[in-house]
N, C-alpha and C. Protein backbone atom coordinates (compact mmCIF):
# COMPACT_ATOMS: atom_id res chain seq x y z
N MET A 1 -20.04 27.17 -49.83
CA MET A 1 -20.95 27.04 -48.76
C MET A 1 -20.65 27.99 -48.30
N ASP A 2 -21.89 28.22 -46.88
CA ASP A 2 -22.21 29.97 -46.66
C ASP A 2 -20.59 29.86 -45.97
N THR A 3 -20.36 30.69 -46.13
CA THR A 3 -19.41 31.43 -44.91
C THR A 3 -19.73 31.83 -43.56
N ALA A 4 -20.83 31.56 -43.56
CA ALA A 4 -21.44 31.16 -41.26
C ALA A 4 -21.04 29.18 -41.67
N VAL A 5 -21.33 28.80 -42.66
CA VAL A 5 -21.59 27.73 -41.90
C VAL A 5 -20.33 27.53 -42.03
N VAL A 6 -18.87 27.48 -42.70
CA VAL A 6 -17.88 27.59 -42.72
C VAL A 6 -16.65 27.98 -41.52
N ILE A 7 -17.75 28.76 -41.04
CA ILE A 7 -17.07 29.55 -39.32
C ILE A 7 -17.44 28.86 -38.27
N GLY A 8 -18.93 28.57 -38.00
CA GLY A 8 -19.53 27.92 -37.33
C GLY A 8 -19.14 26.37 -37.64
N LEU A 9 -18.18 25.48 -38.38
CA LEU A 9 -17.61 24.23 -38.60
C LEU A 9 -16.21 24.76 -38.09
N ALA A 10 -15.28 25.54 -38.25
CA ALA A 10 -14.38 26.48 -37.93
C ALA A 10 -14.49 26.02 -36.33
N VAL A 11 -15.08 27.05 -35.59
CA VAL A 11 -15.43 26.29 -34.20
C VAL A 11 -15.73 25.61 -33.72
N TRP A 12 -16.48 24.81 -34.48
CA TRP A 12 -16.92 23.90 -33.29
C TRP A 12 -15.88 22.47 -33.76
N ASN A 13 -14.75 22.78 -35.65
CA ASN A 13 -13.64 22.12 -34.69
C ASN A 13 -13.13 22.36 -33.71
N LEU A 14 -12.35 23.57 -33.36
CA LEU A 14 -11.77 24.50 -32.39
C LEU A 14 -11.87 23.77 -31.03
N ALA A 15 -13.50 23.59 -30.99
CA ALA A 15 -13.76 23.65 -29.21
C ALA A 15 -13.45 22.07 -29.44
N LEU A 16 -13.70 21.14 -30.50
CA LEU A 16 -13.10 19.67 -30.14
C LEU A 16 -12.51 19.14 -29.64
N SER A 17 -11.78 20.03 -30.84
CA SER A 17 -9.83 19.95 -30.30
C SER A 17 -9.49 20.51 -28.93
N VAL A 18 -9.86 21.16 -28.12
CA VAL A 18 -9.98 22.28 -27.16
C VAL A 18 -10.38 20.99 -25.94
N ILE A 19 -11.41 20.10 -26.52
CA ILE A 19 -11.46 19.44 -25.21
C ILE A 19 -10.98 18.18 -25.58
N MET A 20 -11.05 17.94 -26.69
CA MET A 20 -10.81 16.12 -26.60
C MET A 20 -8.62 16.66 -26.40
N GLY A 21 -8.18 17.35 -26.28
CA GLY A 21 -6.68 17.86 -25.89
C GLY A 21 -6.83 17.88 -24.01
N LEU A 22 -7.62 18.80 -23.55
CA LEU A 22 -7.83 19.27 -22.30
C LEU A 22 -8.25 17.76 -21.32
N THR A 23 -9.01 16.65 -22.11
CA THR A 23 -10.03 15.28 -22.30
C THR A 23 -7.96 14.05 -21.67
N SER A 24 -6.88 14.06 -22.74
CA SER A 24 -5.96 13.69 -22.57
C SER A 24 -5.38 14.38 -21.50
N VAL A 25 -4.61 15.23 -21.73
CA VAL A 25 -4.26 16.16 -20.63
C VAL A 25 -4.68 15.31 -19.41
N VAL A 26 -5.82 15.68 -18.78
CA VAL A 26 -6.74 14.78 -17.67
C VAL A 26 -6.47 13.40 -17.45
N TYR A 27 -6.28 12.92 -18.20
CA TYR A 27 -6.63 11.56 -18.23
C TYR A 27 -5.11 10.79 -18.33
N LYS A 28 -4.19 11.14 -18.82
CA LYS A 28 -2.34 10.97 -18.73
C LYS A 28 -1.67 11.40 -17.26
N GLN A 29 -2.98 11.67 -16.69
CA GLN A 29 -1.92 13.07 -15.33
C GLN A 29 -2.94 11.65 -13.91
N ALA A 30 -4.31 11.81 -15.25
CA ALA A 30 -4.94 10.15 -13.84
C ALA A 30 -4.08 9.00 -13.36
N GLN A 31 -3.81 8.50 -14.92
CA GLN A 31 -2.73 7.87 -14.88
C GLN A 31 -1.95 7.42 -14.08
N GLU A 32 -0.95 8.41 -14.26
CA GLU A 32 -0.27 9.12 -13.93
C GLU A 32 -0.28 8.94 -11.66
N LYS A 33 -1.22 9.15 -11.70
CA LYS A 33 -1.66 9.27 -10.36
C LYS A 33 -2.02 7.81 -9.88
N LEU A 34 -2.51 6.69 -10.39
CA LEU A 34 -2.71 5.72 -10.44
C LEU A 34 -2.02 4.76 -10.40
N LYS A 35 -0.99 4.89 -10.76
CA LYS A 35 0.62 4.23 -11.16
C LYS A 35 1.36 4.18 -9.45
N ASP A 36 1.49 5.88 -9.64
CA ASP A 36 1.98 6.03 -8.08
C ASP A 36 1.43 5.89 -6.84
N GLN A 37 0.19 5.52 -7.59
CA GLN A 37 -0.01 4.73 -5.19
C GLN A 37 -0.60 3.66 -6.21
N GLY A 38 0.18 3.13 -6.62
CA GLY A 38 0.11 1.08 -7.39
C GLY A 38 1.72 1.39 -7.04
N ASP A 39 2.30 2.32 -7.40
CA ASP A 39 3.94 1.79 -6.42
C ASP A 39 3.61 2.06 -5.15
N GLU A 40 3.21 2.58 -4.72
CA GLU A 40 3.03 2.92 -3.12
C GLU A 40 2.72 2.49 -2.51
N VAL A 41 1.51 1.50 -3.20
CA VAL A 41 0.59 0.70 -2.43
C VAL A 41 1.70 -1.06 -2.18
N THR A 42 2.58 -0.96 -3.18
CA THR A 42 4.01 -1.88 -3.59
C THR A 42 4.81 -2.26 -2.49
N ARG A 43 5.24 -1.18 -2.59
CA ARG A 43 6.42 -0.94 -0.91
C ARG A 43 5.92 -0.49 0.04
N LEU A 44 4.11 -0.14 0.28
CA LEU A 44 3.24 -1.27 1.77
C LEU A 44 3.18 -2.04 2.15
N ASN A 45 2.95 -2.94 0.62
CA ASN A 45 3.08 -3.96 0.66
C ASN A 45 3.54 -5.15 1.50
N ILE A 46 5.14 -4.65 0.59
CA ILE A 46 6.59 -5.32 0.75
C ILE A 46 7.54 -5.05 2.53
N LEU A 47 7.05 -3.42 2.82
CA LEU A 47 7.09 -2.94 4.09
C LEU A 47 6.83 -3.85 5.30
N LEU A 48 5.07 -4.08 5.22
CA LEU A 48 4.15 -5.02 5.60
C LEU A 48 4.89 -5.60 6.05
N ASN A 49 5.40 -7.20 5.10
CA ASN A 49 5.55 -8.14 4.55
C ASN A 49 7.88 -8.09 5.37
N LYS A 50 8.13 -7.84 5.47
CA LYS A 50 9.09 -7.31 6.51
C LYS A 50 9.04 -7.27 7.86
N THR A 51 8.02 -6.20 8.45
CA THR A 51 7.15 -6.73 10.09
C THR A 51 6.86 -7.39 10.07
N ARG A 52 6.40 -8.10 8.29
CA ARG A 52 5.60 -9.65 9.28
C ARG A 52 6.81 -11.29 9.74
N GLU A 53 7.54 -10.63 9.46
CA GLU A 53 9.12 -11.20 9.14
C GLU A 53 9.47 -11.29 10.57
N GLU A 54 10.09 -9.97 10.92
CA GLU A 54 10.25 -9.15 11.99
C GLU A 54 9.42 -9.70 13.33
N ILE A 55 8.05 -9.41 13.54
CA ILE A 55 8.06 -10.23 14.08
C ILE A 55 7.60 -11.38 14.57
N ALA A 56 7.64 -12.10 13.89
CA ALA A 56 7.67 -13.84 13.64
C ALA A 56 8.79 -14.56 13.91
N ARG A 57 9.74 -13.45 14.17
CA ARG A 57 11.80 -13.61 13.97
C ARG A 57 11.57 -13.33 15.75
N ASP A 58 10.67 -12.38 16.29
CA ASP A 58 11.50 -11.90 16.94
C ASP A 58 11.08 -12.55 18.38
N ASN A 59 8.95 -12.80 18.24
CA ASN A 59 8.69 -13.36 19.31
C ASN A 59 8.92 -14.67 19.53
N VAL A 60 8.46 -15.23 20.37
CA VAL A 60 8.63 -16.30 20.93
C VAL A 60 7.55 -17.44 21.32
N THR A 61 7.67 -18.53 20.76
CA THR A 61 6.22 -18.80 20.91
C THR A 61 5.13 -19.82 21.88
N GLN A 62 4.62 -20.12 22.25
CA GLN A 62 3.97 -20.08 24.10
C GLN A 62 4.75 -22.10 24.38
N ALA A 63 4.51 -22.50 22.81
CA ALA A 63 5.48 -24.26 22.47
C ALA A 63 7.09 -23.87 23.56
N GLU A 64 7.72 -22.76 22.93
CA GLU A 64 9.23 -22.47 23.38
C GLU A 64 8.97 -22.27 25.20
N ILE A 65 8.12 -21.29 24.65
CA ILE A 65 8.61 -20.67 25.64
C ILE A 65 7.72 -21.66 27.18
N ASP A 66 6.75 -23.08 27.12
CA ASP A 66 6.83 -24.20 27.97
C ASP A 66 7.48 -24.98 27.59
N LYS A 67 9.01 -25.22 26.55
CA LYS A 67 9.60 -25.74 27.20
C LYS A 67 10.91 -25.21 27.85
N ILE A 68 11.15 -24.37 27.61
CA ILE A 68 11.94 -23.35 28.42
C ILE A 68 11.86 -23.73 29.86
N MET A 69 10.38 -23.42 30.28
CA MET A 69 9.82 -23.86 31.70
C MET A 69 9.70 -25.19 31.81
N VAL A 70 10.07 -25.61 31.37
CA VAL A 70 10.10 -27.06 31.90
C VAL A 70 11.57 -27.58 32.35
N HIS A 71 13.13 -27.00 30.89
CA HIS A 71 14.25 -26.88 31.70
C HIS A 71 14.48 -26.34 32.93
N ILE A 72 14.03 -25.23 32.76
CA ILE A 72 14.25 -24.33 34.19
C ILE A 72 13.78 -24.93 35.43
N ASP A 73 12.26 -26.03 35.65
CA ASP A 73 12.12 -26.31 36.46
C ASP A 73 12.96 -27.42 36.66
N GLN A 74 13.08 -27.72 36.18
CA GLN A 74 14.70 -29.33 35.56
C GLN A 74 15.78 -28.84 36.60
N ARG A 75 16.11 -28.14 35.97
CA ARG A 75 17.78 -27.69 37.03
C ARG A 75 16.68 -26.94 38.35
N PHE A 76 16.05 -26.27 38.52
CA PHE A 76 15.42 -26.01 40.08
C PHE A 76 15.44 -27.07 41.12
N ASN A 77 14.85 -28.33 40.10
CA ASN A 77 14.97 -29.06 40.87
C ASN A 77 16.14 -30.08 41.67
N LYS A 78 16.85 -29.91 40.49
CA LYS A 78 18.41 -30.74 40.47
C LYS A 78 18.99 -30.15 42.30
N LEU A 79 19.41 -28.66 41.77
CA LEU A 79 18.96 -27.65 42.77
C LEU A 79 19.19 -27.91 44.15
N GLU A 80 17.31 -28.04 44.29
CA GLU A 80 17.28 -28.38 45.69
C GLU A 80 17.46 -30.16 45.79
N GLU A 81 17.50 -31.28 44.98
CA GLU A 81 18.14 -31.96 45.63
C GLU A 81 19.22 -31.63 46.07
N LYS A 82 20.08 -31.62 45.26
CA LYS A 82 21.90 -30.82 46.00
C LYS A 82 21.48 -30.68 47.33
N ILE A 83 21.41 -29.98 47.60
CA ILE A 83 20.55 -28.75 48.92
C ILE A 83 20.32 -29.27 49.76
N ASP A 84 18.95 -30.45 49.48
CA ASP A 84 18.72 -31.41 50.71
C ASP A 84 19.65 -32.76 50.78
N ARG A 85 20.90 -32.64 49.97
CA ARG A 85 21.34 -32.94 50.22
C ARG A 85 22.81 -32.88 51.12
N LEU A 86 23.10 -32.28 50.66
CA LEU A 86 23.73 -31.08 51.79
C LEU A 86 23.76 -30.74 53.25
N LEU A 87 22.69 -30.20 53.46
CA LEU A 87 21.98 -30.09 54.17
C LEU A 87 21.16 -31.44 55.77
N GLY A 88 21.61 -32.05 54.46
CA GLY A 88 21.27 -33.69 55.15
C GLY A 88 22.38 -34.95 55.41
N ALA A 89 23.70 -33.92 54.96
CA ALA A 89 24.94 -34.76 54.78
C ALA A 89 25.35 -33.79 57.00
N LYS A 90 25.09 -33.72 57.03
CA LYS A 90 25.59 -32.40 58.22
C LYS A 90 24.78 -33.20 59.54
């Protein structure tokens, strides 16, 4: 073969090797970044679920409020009856 062809093929092989090397480095970095982002999404999902659990634990439902209000009303009614009896006895 002609030396010019051999040199041309060597340069071509070198260029392809450099391009493939850079491509693999960029690809690996992109994979690591995606993995880190996936880990962050997982962490945020865990925190969001914990927050939801805490909100559900700390908040009172309307049914519970209604039940407590009925109980308080009954207690006040009993107190009013006792006060009325005390005042009526005098």
